Protein backbone atom coordinates (compact mmCIF):
# COMPACT_ATOMS: atom_id res chain seq x y z
CA UNK A 1 0.00 0.00 0.00
CA UNK A 2 2.80 2.45 0.82
CA UNK A 3 4.31 1.78 -2.58
CA UNK A 4 1.07 2.83 -4.23
CA UNK A 5 1.34 6.22 -2.53
CA UNK A 6 4.38 7.03 -4.62
CA UNK A 7 3.04 5.81 -7.96
CA UNK A 8 -0.60 6.85 -7.81
CA UNK A 9 -2.22 10.24 -8.19
CA UNK A 10 -5.09 9.16 -5.93
CA UNK A 11 -3.70 8.80 -2.43
CA UNK A 12 -6.10 7.85 0.36
CA UNK A 13 -7.26 10.54 2.82
CA UNK A 14 -6.50 8.37 5.84
CA UNK A 15 -4.20 5.44 6.60
CA UNK A 16 -4.53 3.23 9.68
CA UNK A 17 -1.40 1.33 10.74
CA UNK A 18 -1.54 -1.21 13.58
CA UNK A 19 1.94 -2.09 14.89
CA UNK A 20 3.64 -1.28 11.59
CA UNK A 21 7.15 -1.96 12.92
CA UNK A 22 6.49 -5.52 14.07
CA UNK A 23 8.87 -7.95 12.37
CA UNK A 24 10.83 -5.18 10.64
CA UNK A 25 14.57 -4.70 10.94
CA UNK A 26 16.09 -1.28 11.64
CA UNK A 27 16.68 -0.51 7.96
CA UNK A 28 13.06 -1.21 7.02
CA UNK A 29 11.75 0.79 9.98
CA UNK A 30 13.73 3.77 8.64
CA UNK A 31 12.26 3.25 5.16
CA UNK A 32 8.76 3.07 6.64
CA UNK A 33 9.35 6.15 8.79
CA UNK A 34 10.63 8.14 5.80
CA UNK A 35 7.66 7.08 3.68
CA UNK A 36 4.99 8.00 6.20
CA UNK A 37 6.71 11.24 7.19
CA UNK A 38 6.17 12.45 3.63
CA UNK A 39 2.47 11.56 3.75
CA UNK A 40 0.45 14.79 3.82
CA UNK A 41 -2.88 13.42 5.01
CA UNK A 42 -4.22 11.74 8.14
CA UNK A 43 -2.39 8.86 9.81
CA UNK A 44 -3.65 6.77 12.71
CA UNK A 45 -0.80 4.69 14.09
CA UNK A 46 -0.91 2.21 16.96
CA UNK A 47 2.55 1.18 18.12
CA UNK A 48 4.35 0.09 21.27
CA UNK A 49 7.67 1.13 19.74
CA UNK A 50 8.45 4.38 21.59
CA UNK A 51 11.28 5.33 19.25
CA UNK A 52 9.06 4.97 16.18
PDB file of N, CA and C in Angstrom:
ATOM      1  N   UNK A   1       0.815  -1.184   0.000  1.00  0.00           N
ATOM      2  CA  UNK A   1       0.000   0.000   0.000  1.00  0.00           C
ATOM      3  C   UNK A   1       0.864   1.254   0.000  1.00  0.00           C
ATOM      4  N   UNK A   2       1.941   1.268   0.795  1.00  0.00           N
ATOM      5  CA  UNK A   2       2.801   2.447   0.825  1.00  0.00           C
ATOM      6  C   UNK A   2       3.461   2.687  -0.527  1.00  0.00           C
ATOM      7  N   UNK A   3       3.745   1.631  -1.236  1.00  0.00           N
ATOM      8  CA  UNK A   3       4.313   1.779  -2.580  1.00  0.00           C
ATOM      9  C   UNK A   3       3.326   2.499  -3.488  1.00  0.00           C
ATOM     10  N   UNK A   4       2.054   2.196  -3.363  1.00  0.00           N
ATOM     11  CA  UNK A   4       1.069   2.830  -4.235  1.00  0.00           C
ATOM     12  C   UNK A   4       0.962   4.327  -3.989  1.00  0.00           C
ATOM     13  N   UNK A   5       1.376   4.784  -2.817  1.00  0.00           N
ATOM     14  CA  UNK A   5       1.340   6.218  -2.526  1.00  0.00           C
ATOM     15  C   UNK A   5       2.312   6.992  -3.407  1.00  0.00           C
ATOM     16  N   UNK A   6       3.378   6.345  -3.817  1.00  0.00           N
ATOM     17  CA  UNK A   6       4.383   7.031  -4.624  1.00  0.00           C
ATOM     18  C   UNK A   6       4.113   6.933  -6.120  1.00  0.00           C
ATOM     19  N   UNK A   7       3.261   5.994  -6.533  1.00  0.00           N
ATOM     20  CA  UNK A   7       3.037   5.813  -7.962  1.00  0.00           C
ATOM     21  C   UNK A   7       1.634   6.196  -8.409  1.00  0.00           C
ATOM     22  N   UNK A   8       0.789   6.548  -7.471  1.00  0.00           N
ATOM     23  CA  UNK A   8      -0.599   6.853  -7.811  1.00  0.00           C
ATOM     24  C   UNK A   8      -0.895   8.324  -7.577  1.00  0.00           C
ATOM     25  N   UNK A   9      -1.774   8.865  -8.382  1.00  0.00           N
ATOM     26  CA  UNK A   9      -2.223  10.241  -8.191  1.00  0.00           C
ATOM     27  C   UNK A   9      -3.394  10.324  -7.238  1.00  0.00           C
ATOM     28  N   UNK A  10      -3.938   9.192  -6.818  1.00  0.00           N
ATOM     29  CA  UNK A  10      -5.086   9.164  -5.933  1.00  0.00           C
ATOM     30  C   UNK A  10      -4.696   8.542  -4.599  1.00  0.00           C
ATOM     31  N   UNK A  11      -4.085   9.315  -3.739  1.00  0.00           N
ATOM     32  CA  UNK A  11      -3.697   8.801  -2.433  1.00  0.00           C
ATOM     33  C   UNK A  11      -4.898   8.822  -1.497  1.00  0.00           C
ATOM     34  N   UNK A  12      -4.972   7.884  -0.572  1.00  0.00           N
ATOM     35  CA  UNK A  12      -6.101   7.855   0.364  1.00  0.00           C
ATOM     36  C   UNK A  12      -6.036   9.032   1.330  1.00  0.00           C
ATOM     37  N   UNK A  13      -7.196   9.434   1.858  1.00  0.00           N
ATOM     38  CA  UNK A  13      -7.258  10.539   2.815  1.00  0.00           C
ATOM     39  C   UNK A  13      -6.792  10.130   4.197  1.00  0.00           C
ATOM     40  N   UNK A  14      -6.876   8.851   4.512  1.00  0.00           N
ATOM     41  CA  UNK A  14      -6.501   8.366   5.838  1.00  0.00           C
ATOM     42  C   UNK A  14      -5.869   6.982   5.705  1.00  0.00           C
ATOM     43  N   UNK A  15      -4.842   6.758   6.520  1.00  0.00           N
ATOM     44  CA  UNK A  15      -4.197   5.444   6.595  1.00  0.00           C
ATOM     45  C   UNK A  15      -4.174   5.033   8.057  1.00  0.00           C
ATOM     46  N   UNK A  16      -4.565   3.787   8.327  1.00  0.00           N
ATOM     47  CA  UNK A  16      -4.529   3.234   9.678  1.00  0.00           C
ATOM     48  C   UNK A  16      -3.456   2.150   9.693  1.00  0.00           C
ATOM     49  N   UNK A  17      -2.489   2.301  10.608  1.00  0.00           N
ATOM     50  CA  UNK A  17      -1.401   1.325  10.743  1.00  0.00           C
ATOM     51  C   UNK A  17      -1.423   0.769  12.163  1.00  0.00           C
ATOM     52  N   UNK A  18      -1.530  -0.543  12.281  1.00  0.00           N
ATOM     53  CA  UNK A  18      -1.541  -1.212  13.580  1.00  0.00           C
ATOM     54  C   UNK A  18      -0.224  -1.969  13.733  1.00  0.00           C
ATOM     55  N   UNK A  19       0.616  -1.494  14.643  1.00  0.00           N
ATOM     56  CA  UNK A  19       1.935  -2.092  14.890  1.00  0.00           C
ATOM     57  C   UNK A  19       2.743  -2.262  13.601  1.00  0.00           C
ATOM     58  N   UNK A  20       2.974  -1.163  12.886  1.00  0.00           N
ATOM     59  CA  UNK A  20       3.643  -1.282  11.586  1.00  0.00           C
ATOM     60  C   UNK A  20       5.103  -1.719  11.660  1.00  0.00           C
ATOM     61  N   UNK A  21       5.728  -1.601  12.824  1.00  0.00           N
ATOM     62  CA  UNK A  21       7.151  -1.955  12.916  1.00  0.00           C
ATOM     63  C   UNK A  21       7.388  -3.382  13.387  1.00  0.00           C
ATOM     64  N   UNK A  22       6.318  -4.119  13.683  1.00  0.00           N
ATOM     65  CA  UNK A  22       6.494  -5.525  14.072  1.00  0.00           C
ATOM     66  C   UNK A  22       7.176  -6.281  12.950  1.00  0.00           C
ATOM     67  N   UNK A  23       8.159  -7.079  13.309  1.00  0.00           N
ATOM     68  CA  UNK A  23       8.875  -7.947  12.375  1.00  0.00           C
ATOM     69  C   UNK A  23       9.671  -7.195  11.313  1.00  0.00           C
ATOM     70  N   UNK A  24       9.979  -5.923  11.559  1.00  0.00           N
ATOM     71  CA  UNK A  24      10.831  -5.176  10.639  1.00  0.00           C
ATOM     72  C   UNK A  24      12.198  -4.974  11.264  1.00  0.00           C
ATOM     73  N   UNK A  25      13.237  -5.012  10.438  1.00  0.00           N
ATOM     74  CA  UNK A  25      14.569  -4.699  10.938  1.00  0.00           C
ATOM     75  C   UNK A  25      14.740  -3.173  10.940  1.00  0.00           C
ATOM     76  N   UNK A  26      15.856  -2.720  11.476  1.00  0.00           N
ATOM     77  CA  UNK A  26      16.087  -1.280  11.642  1.00  0.00           C
ATOM     78  C   UNK A  26      16.066  -0.553  10.300  1.00  0.00           C
ATOM     79  N   UNK A  27      16.649  -1.143   9.281  1.00  0.00           N
ATOM     80  CA  UNK A  27      16.678  -0.507   7.962  1.00  0.00           C
ATOM     81  C   UNK A  27      15.259  -0.318   7.416  1.00  0.00           C
ATOM     82  N   UNK A  28      14.419  -1.316   7.541  1.00  0.00           N
ATOM     83  CA  UNK A  28      13.059  -1.206   7.018  1.00  0.00           C
ATOM     84  C   UNK A  28      12.186  -0.283   7.867  1.00  0.00           C
ATOM     85  N   UNK A  29      12.465  -0.178   9.154  1.00  0.00           N
ATOM     86  CA  UNK A  29      11.754   0.793   9.984  1.00  0.00           C
ATOM     87  C   UNK A  29      12.081   2.201   9.508  1.00  0.00           C
ATOM     88  N   UNK A  30      13.346   2.452   9.164  1.00  0.00           N
ATOM     89  CA  UNK A  30      13.727   3.769   8.642  1.00  0.00           C
ATOM     90  C   UNK A  30      13.020   4.057   7.318  1.00  0.00           C
ATOM     91  N   UNK A  31      12.958   3.074   6.445  1.00  0.00           N
ATOM     92  CA  UNK A  31      12.258   3.254   5.162  1.00  0.00           C
ATOM     93  C   UNK A  31      10.788   3.563   5.406  1.00  0.00           C
ATOM     94  N   UNK A  32      10.163   2.829   6.304  1.00  0.00           N
ATOM     95  CA  UNK A  32       8.756   3.069   6.638  1.00  0.00           C
ATOM     96  C   UNK A  32       8.573   4.461   7.234  1.00  0.00           C
ATOM     97  N   UNK A  33       9.439   4.838   8.156  1.00  0.00           N
ATOM     98  CA  UNK A  33       9.354   6.153   8.792  1.00  0.00           C
ATOM     99  C   UNK A  33       9.500   7.269   7.759  1.00  0.00           C
ATOM    100  N   UNK A  34      10.448   7.134   6.856  1.00  0.00           N
ATOM    101  CA  UNK A  34      10.632   8.141   5.802  1.00  0.00           C
ATOM    102  C   UNK A  34       9.403   8.231   4.901  1.00  0.00           C
ATOM    103  N   UNK A  35       8.826   7.086   4.567  1.00  0.00           N
ATOM    104  CA  UNK A  35       7.660   7.076   3.679  1.00  0.00           C
ATOM    105  C   UNK A  35       6.459   7.742   4.326  1.00  0.00           C
ATOM    106  N   UNK A  36       6.182   7.416   5.588  1.00  0.00           N
ATOM    107  CA  UNK A  36       4.991   7.997   6.202  1.00  0.00           C
ATOM    108  C   UNK A  36       5.215   9.436   6.644  1.00  0.00           C
ATOM    109  N   UNK A  37       6.468   9.838   6.822  1.00  0.00           N
ATOM    110  CA  UNK A  37       6.711  11.235   7.194  1.00  0.00           C
ATOM    111  C   UNK A  37       6.438  12.179   6.019  1.00  0.00           C
ATOM    112  N   UNK A  38       6.463  11.651   4.811  1.00  0.00           N
ATOM    113  CA  UNK A  38       6.166  12.451   3.631  1.00  0.00           C
ATOM    114  C   UNK A  38       4.674  12.462   3.296  1.00  0.00           C
ATOM    115  N   UNK A  39       3.905  11.654   3.992  1.00  0.00           N
ATOM    116  CA  UNK A  39       2.467  11.557   3.749  1.00  0.00           C
ATOM    117  C   UNK A  39       1.792  12.812   4.285  1.00  0.00           C
ATOM    118  N   UNK A  40       1.015  13.490   3.474  1.00  0.00           N
ATOM    119  CA  UNK A  40       0.452  14.790   3.823  1.00  0.00           C
ATOM    120  C   UNK A  40      -0.998  14.726   4.287  1.00  0.00           C
ATOM    121  N   UNK A  41      -1.495  13.553   4.572  1.00  0.00           N
ATOM    122  CA  UNK A  41      -2.881  13.421   5.006  1.00  0.00           C
ATOM    123  C   UNK A  41      -2.922  12.822   6.405  1.00  0.00           C
ATOM    124  N   UNK A  42      -4.027  12.237   6.785  1.00  0.00           N
ATOM    125  CA  UNK A  42      -4.223  11.743   8.143  1.00  0.00           C
ATOM    126  C   UNK A  42      -3.651  10.344   8.320  1.00  0.00           C
ATOM    127  N   UNK A  43      -2.917  10.162   9.422  1.00  0.00           N
ATOM    128  CA  UNK A  43      -2.388   8.858   9.809  1.00  0.00           C
ATOM    129  C   UNK A  43      -2.894   8.522  11.202  1.00  0.00           C
ATOM    130  N   UNK A  44      -3.341   7.298  11.384  1.00  0.00           N
ATOM    131  CA  UNK A  44      -3.647   6.774  12.710  1.00  0.00           C
ATOM    132  C   UNK A  44      -2.703   5.598  12.896  1.00  0.00           C
ATOM    133  N   UNK A  45      -1.822   5.715  13.882  1.00  0.00           N
ATOM    134  CA  UNK A  45      -0.804   4.694  14.090  1.00  0.00           C
ATOM    135  C   UNK A  45      -0.888   4.181  15.518  1.00  0.00           C
ATOM    136  N   UNK A  46      -0.956   2.858  15.650  1.00  0.00           N
ATOM    137  CA  UNK A  46      -0.910   2.211  16.960  1.00  0.00           C
ATOM    138  C   UNK A  46       0.415   1.465  17.014  1.00  0.00           C
ATOM    139  N   UNK A  47       1.254   1.816  18.012  1.00  0.00           N
ATOM    140  CA  UNK A  47       2.548   1.179  18.120  1.00  0.00           C
ATOM    141  C   UNK A  47       3.023   1.192  19.567  1.00  0.00           C
ATOM    142  N   UNK A  48       3.713   0.123  19.962  1.00  0.00           N
ATOM    143  CA  UNK A  48       4.350   0.093  21.269  1.00  0.00           C
ATOM    144  C   UNK A  48       5.829   0.460  21.172  1.00  0.00           C
ATOM    145  N   UNK A  49       6.282   0.750  19.982  1.00  0.00           N
ATOM    146  CA  UNK A  49       7.671   1.128  19.744  1.00  0.00           C
ATOM    147  C   UNK A  49       7.816   2.632  20.020  1.00  0.00           C
ATOM    148  N   UNK A  50       8.363   2.964  21.182  1.00  0.00           N
ATOM    149  CA  UNK A  50       8.451   4.376  21.592  1.00  0.00           C
ATOM    150  C   UNK A  50       9.334   5.189  20.663  1.00  0.00           C
ATOM    151  N   UNK A  51      10.397   4.611  20.160  1.00  0.00           N
ATOM    152  CA  UNK A  51      11.279   5.327  19.255  1.00  0.00           C
ATOM    153  C   UNK A  51      10.566   5.682  17.958  1.00  0.00           C
ATOM    154  N   UNK A  52       9.789   4.753  17.429  1.00  0.00           N
ATOM    155  CA  UNK A  52       9.058   4.972  16.176  1.00  0.00           C
ATOM    156  C   UNK A  52       8.070   6.102  16.363  1.00  0.00           C
TER     157      UNK A  52
END
